[in-house]
């Protein structure tokens, strides 16, 4: 199969789905769906983070880093400080042998 054919087939599968999503932007949703969709970003974030933190042999260190980083981010609303604080807490836990 040629490279151009693969690209064309990928475009044929991807483009309609993206066009459908963009065309829904003008749609007025009922209040139930608006309330339901408010939780989607939090759910996706948790689905990405929790398996990586708790599914590791060093889950305790990662959990400490995640909690410290999340607390800093929540209190200061500063993403860079949250990331750096989480990394610092993880490495401190690692150096302390936790």
N, C-alpha and C. Protein backbone atom coordinates (compact mmCIF):
# COMPACT_ATOMS: atom_id res chain seq x y z
N UNK A 1 0.86 -1.18 0.00
CA UNK A 1 0.00 0.00 0.00
C UNK A 1 0.90 1.24 0.00
N UNK A 2 0.62 2.16 -0.87
CA UNK A 2 1.46 3.34 -0.99
C UNK A 2 1.19 4.31 0.16
N UNK A 3 2.17 5.15 0.40
CA UNK A 3 2.05 6.15 1.47
C UNK A 3 0.92 7.13 1.23
N UNK A 4 0.74 7.53 -0.04
CA UNK A 4 -0.31 8.49 -0.36
C UNK A 4 -1.70 7.89 -0.15
N UNK A 5 -1.84 6.61 -0.44
CA UNK A 5 -3.12 5.95 -0.23
C UNK A 5 -3.45 5.87 1.26
N UNK A 6 -2.44 5.58 2.08
CA UNK A 6 -2.65 5.53 3.53
C UNK A 6 -3.06 6.91 4.05
N UNK A 7 -2.39 7.95 3.59
CA UNK A 7 -2.74 9.31 4.01
C UNK A 7 -4.16 9.66 3.59
N UNK A 8 -4.52 9.30 2.37
CA UNK A 8 -5.87 9.58 1.88
C UNK A 8 -6.92 8.83 2.70
N UNK A 9 -6.66 7.58 3.03
CA UNK A 9 -7.61 6.81 3.84
C UNK A 9 -7.71 7.37 5.26
N UNK A 10 -6.59 7.79 5.84
CA UNK A 10 -6.64 8.39 7.17
C UNK A 10 -7.44 9.69 7.14
N UNK A 11 -7.27 10.48 6.08
CA UNK A 11 -8.04 11.71 5.95
C UNK A 11 -9.53 11.39 5.83
N UNK A 12 -9.87 10.37 5.04
CA UNK A 12 -11.28 10.01 4.83
C UNK A 12 -11.95 9.55 6.12
N UNK A 13 -11.20 8.98 7.03
CA UNK A 13 -11.76 8.54 8.30
C UNK A 13 -11.81 9.70 9.30
N UNK A 14 -10.79 10.54 9.32
CA UNK A 14 -10.67 11.58 10.33
C UNK A 14 -11.51 12.81 10.02
N UNK A 15 -11.52 13.25 8.80
CA UNK A 15 -12.17 14.52 8.45
C UNK A 15 -13.65 14.56 8.78
N UNK A 16 -14.46 13.55 8.45
CA UNK A 16 -15.89 13.63 8.80
C UNK A 16 -16.14 13.73 10.30
N UNK A 17 -15.35 13.02 11.09
CA UNK A 17 -15.54 13.10 12.55
C UNK A 17 -15.22 14.49 13.06
N UNK A 18 -14.17 15.10 12.55
CA UNK A 18 -13.82 16.46 12.97
C UNK A 18 -14.85 17.47 12.50
N UNK A 19 -15.33 17.31 11.28
CA UNK A 19 -16.34 18.21 10.75
C UNK A 19 -17.63 18.13 11.57
N UNK A 20 -18.00 16.91 11.97
CA UNK A 20 -19.19 16.75 12.80
C UNK A 20 -19.01 17.45 14.14
N UNK A 21 -17.85 17.29 14.76
CA UNK A 21 -17.60 17.96 16.04
C UNK A 21 -17.62 19.47 15.93
N UNK A 22 -17.07 20.00 14.86
CA UNK A 22 -17.08 21.45 14.67
C UNK A 22 -18.48 21.97 14.36
N UNK A 23 -19.27 21.19 13.66
CA UNK A 23 -20.62 21.66 13.33
C UNK A 23 -21.55 21.63 14.54
N UNK A 24 -21.20 20.89 15.58
CA UNK A 24 -22.03 20.86 16.79
C UNK A 24 -21.82 22.09 17.66
N UNK A 25 -20.89 22.96 17.33
CA UNK A 25 -20.62 24.14 18.13
C UNK A 25 -21.78 25.12 18.19
N UNK A 26 -22.63 25.12 17.20
CA UNK A 26 -23.77 26.02 17.17
C UNK A 26 -25.03 25.39 17.77
N UNK A 27 -24.91 24.18 18.27
CA UNK A 27 -26.06 23.46 18.81
C UNK A 27 -26.34 23.88 20.24
N UNK A 28 -27.60 24.15 20.55
CA UNK A 28 -28.01 24.49 21.92
C UNK A 28 -28.37 23.20 22.65
N UNK A 29 -27.62 22.87 23.68
CA UNK A 29 -27.87 21.65 24.44
C UNK A 29 -28.81 21.91 25.60
N UNK A 30 -29.59 20.92 25.99
CA UNK A 30 -30.44 21.05 27.18
C UNK A 30 -29.58 21.18 28.44
N UNK A 31 -30.12 21.75 29.51
CA UNK A 31 -29.36 21.94 30.74
C UNK A 31 -28.77 20.65 31.30
N UNK A 32 -29.49 19.53 31.14
CA UNK A 32 -28.97 18.25 31.65
C UNK A 32 -27.63 17.92 31.01
N UNK A 33 -27.55 18.05 29.68
CA UNK A 33 -26.31 17.71 28.98
C UNK A 33 -25.20 18.71 29.29
N UNK A 34 -25.55 19.97 29.46
CA UNK A 34 -24.54 20.95 29.84
C UNK A 34 -23.95 20.63 31.20
N UNK A 35 -24.79 20.24 32.15
CA UNK A 35 -24.30 19.86 33.48
C UNK A 35 -23.46 18.58 33.39
N UNK A 36 -23.88 17.64 32.57
CA UNK A 36 -23.15 16.39 32.40
C UNK A 36 -21.77 16.64 31.78
N UNK A 37 -21.70 17.47 30.76
CA UNK A 37 -20.44 17.71 30.05
C UNK A 37 -19.44 18.54 30.86
N UNK A 38 -19.90 19.21 31.91
CA UNK A 38 -18.97 19.96 32.76
C UNK A 38 -17.96 19.05 33.42
N UNK A 39 -18.29 17.77 33.64
CA UNK A 39 -17.42 16.84 34.34
C UNK A 39 -16.49 16.06 33.42
N UNK A 40 -16.62 16.21 32.13
CA UNK A 40 -15.80 15.45 31.19
C UNK A 40 -14.31 15.78 31.33
N UNK A 41 -13.87 17.05 31.39
CA UNK A 41 -12.43 17.30 31.53
C UNK A 41 -11.83 16.70 32.80
N UNK A 42 -12.55 16.77 33.90
CA UNK A 42 -12.04 16.21 35.15
C UNK A 42 -11.93 14.69 35.04
N UNK A 43 -12.91 14.07 34.43
CA UNK A 43 -12.89 12.62 34.28
C UNK A 43 -11.75 12.17 33.37
N UNK A 44 -11.53 12.88 32.28
CA UNK A 44 -10.44 12.52 31.37
C UNK A 44 -9.09 12.71 32.05
N UNK A 45 -8.93 13.81 32.78
CA UNK A 45 -7.68 14.05 33.51
C UNK A 45 -7.42 12.94 34.51
N UNK A 46 -8.44 12.56 35.27
CA UNK A 46 -8.28 11.48 36.25
C UNK A 46 -7.96 10.16 35.57
N UNK A 47 -8.58 9.89 34.44
CA UNK A 47 -8.31 8.65 33.72
C UNK A 47 -6.88 8.60 33.18
N UNK A 48 -6.30 9.74 32.90
CA UNK A 48 -4.91 9.77 32.43
C UNK A 48 -3.91 9.70 33.58
N UNK A 49 -4.20 10.32 34.71
CA UNK A 49 -3.25 10.44 35.80
C UNK A 49 -3.27 9.24 36.75
N UNK A 50 -4.43 8.81 37.17
CA UNK A 50 -4.53 7.79 38.23
C UNK A 50 -3.83 6.48 37.86
N UNK A 51 -4.00 5.91 36.67
CA UNK A 51 -3.29 4.67 36.38
C UNK A 51 -1.77 4.83 36.39
N UNK A 52 -1.28 5.98 35.95
CA UNK A 52 0.16 6.20 35.92
C UNK A 52 0.72 6.37 37.33
N UNK A 53 -0.03 7.01 38.21
CA UNK A 53 0.44 7.24 39.57
C UNK A 53 0.33 5.96 40.39
N UNK A 54 -0.83 5.33 40.39
CA UNK A 54 -1.06 4.18 41.27
C UNK A 54 -0.65 2.85 40.66
N UNK A 55 -0.40 2.81 39.36
CA UNK A 55 -0.04 1.55 38.71
C UNK A 55 1.45 1.30 38.65
N UNK A 56 2.22 2.08 39.34
CA UNK A 56 3.67 1.98 39.30
C UNK A 56 4.18 1.32 40.58
N UNK A 57 5.32 0.62 40.51
CA UNK A 57 5.91 0.06 41.73
C UNK A 57 6.30 1.15 42.74
N UNK A 58 6.57 2.34 42.25
CA UNK A 58 6.91 3.44 43.16
C UNK A 58 5.71 4.37 43.36
N UNK A 59 4.54 3.79 43.52
CA UNK A 59 3.30 4.55 43.59
C UNK A 59 3.28 5.52 44.77
N UNK A 60 3.93 5.17 45.88
CA UNK A 60 3.90 6.07 47.06
C UNK A 60 4.61 7.38 46.75
N UNK A 61 5.76 7.31 46.11
CA UNK A 61 6.49 8.53 45.73
C UNK A 61 5.69 9.37 44.75
N UNK A 62 5.13 8.70 43.76
CA UNK A 62 4.35 9.42 42.76
C UNK A 62 3.10 10.04 43.36
N UNK A 63 2.50 9.35 44.31
CA UNK A 63 1.31 9.89 44.97
C UNK A 63 1.67 11.14 45.77
N UNK A 64 2.80 11.11 46.46
CA UNK A 64 3.25 12.29 47.20
C UNK A 64 3.46 13.47 46.25
N UNK A 65 4.15 13.22 45.15
CA UNK A 65 4.38 14.28 44.17
C UNK A 65 3.09 14.81 43.57
N UNK A 66 2.15 13.91 43.27
CA UNK A 66 0.87 14.34 42.68
C UNK A 66 0.05 15.16 43.68
N UNK A 67 0.04 14.74 44.93
CA UNK A 67 -0.74 15.46 45.94
C UNK A 67 -0.14 16.84 46.19
N UNK A 68 1.18 16.91 46.34
CA UNK A 68 1.84 18.21 46.57
C UNK A 68 1.64 19.12 45.36
N UNK A 69 1.86 18.59 44.16
CA UNK A 69 1.67 19.39 42.96
C UNK A 69 0.24 19.86 42.80
N UNK A 70 -0.73 18.97 43.07
CA UNK A 70 -2.13 19.36 42.98
C UNK A 70 -2.51 20.41 44.01
N UNK A 71 -1.98 20.26 45.23
CA UNK A 71 -2.28 21.24 46.28
C UNK A 71 -1.70 22.61 45.94
N UNK A 72 -0.47 22.62 45.44
CA UNK A 72 0.14 23.90 45.04
C UNK A 72 -0.63 24.55 43.90
N UNK A 73 -1.01 23.75 42.94
CA UNK A 73 -1.76 24.28 41.81
C UNK A 73 -3.12 24.82 42.26
N UNK A 74 -3.77 24.11 43.16
CA UNK A 74 -5.08 24.53 43.65
C UNK A 74 -4.99 25.83 44.44
N UNK A 75 -3.97 25.94 45.29
CA UNK A 75 -3.85 27.11 46.16
C UNK A 75 -3.33 28.34 45.42
N UNK A 76 -2.37 28.15 44.51
CA UNK A 76 -1.73 29.30 43.87
C UNK A 76 -2.27 29.60 42.47
N UNK A 77 -2.92 28.61 41.83
CA UNK A 77 -3.37 28.75 40.44
C UNK A 77 -2.20 29.03 39.49
N UNK A 78 -1.02 28.56 39.86
CA UNK A 78 0.18 28.75 39.06
C UNK A 78 0.65 27.37 38.58
N UNK A 79 0.50 27.10 37.27
CA UNK A 79 0.82 25.79 36.73
C UNK A 79 2.29 25.44 36.89
N UNK A 80 3.17 26.39 36.62
CA UNK A 80 4.61 26.13 36.73
C UNK A 80 4.98 25.78 38.17
N UNK A 81 4.44 26.50 39.13
CA UNK A 81 4.73 26.21 40.53
C UNK A 81 4.19 24.84 40.92
N UNK A 82 3.04 24.47 40.44
CA UNK A 82 2.48 23.15 40.73
C UNK A 82 3.34 22.03 40.17
N UNK A 83 3.80 22.20 38.93
CA UNK A 83 4.65 21.18 38.30
C UNK A 83 5.99 21.08 39.02
N UNK A 84 6.62 22.21 39.26
CA UNK A 84 7.92 22.18 39.93
C UNK A 84 7.81 21.67 41.37
N UNK A 85 6.76 22.05 42.07
CA UNK A 85 6.56 21.55 43.44
C UNK A 85 6.30 20.06 43.47
N UNK A 86 5.54 19.56 42.50
CA UNK A 86 5.30 18.12 42.42
C UNK A 86 6.57 17.34 42.13
N UNK A 87 7.38 17.85 41.20
CA UNK A 87 8.66 17.21 40.92
C UNK A 87 9.58 17.25 42.14
N UNK A 88 9.62 18.38 42.81
CA UNK A 88 10.48 18.51 44.00
C UNK A 88 10.03 17.54 45.09
N UNK A 89 8.73 17.41 45.30
CA UNK A 89 8.23 16.49 46.32
C UNK A 89 8.53 15.04 45.95
N UNK A 90 8.40 14.71 44.67
CA UNK A 90 8.72 13.35 44.22
C UNK A 90 10.19 13.03 44.47
N UNK A 91 11.06 13.95 44.06
CA UNK A 91 12.50 13.69 44.22
C UNK A 91 12.91 13.71 45.69
N UNK A 92 12.27 14.54 46.49
CA UNK A 92 12.57 14.52 47.93
C UNK A 92 12.15 13.19 48.54
N UNK A 93 10.99 12.69 48.16
CA UNK A 93 10.54 11.38 48.66
C UNK A 93 11.48 10.28 48.19
N UNK A 94 11.96 10.40 46.97
CA UNK A 94 12.89 9.39 46.45
C UNK A 94 14.22 9.43 47.17
N UNK A 95 14.74 10.64 47.42
CA UNK A 95 16.02 10.75 48.14
C UNK A 95 15.91 10.32 49.59
N UNK A 96 14.73 10.50 50.19
CA UNK A 96 14.53 10.09 51.58
C UNK A 96 14.24 8.60 51.71
N UNK A 97 14.09 7.93 50.58
CA UNK A 97 13.86 6.49 50.59
C UNK A 97 12.44 6.07 50.89
N UNK A 98 11.49 6.93 50.68
CA UNK A 98 10.08 6.57 50.90
C UNK A 98 9.55 5.69 49.78
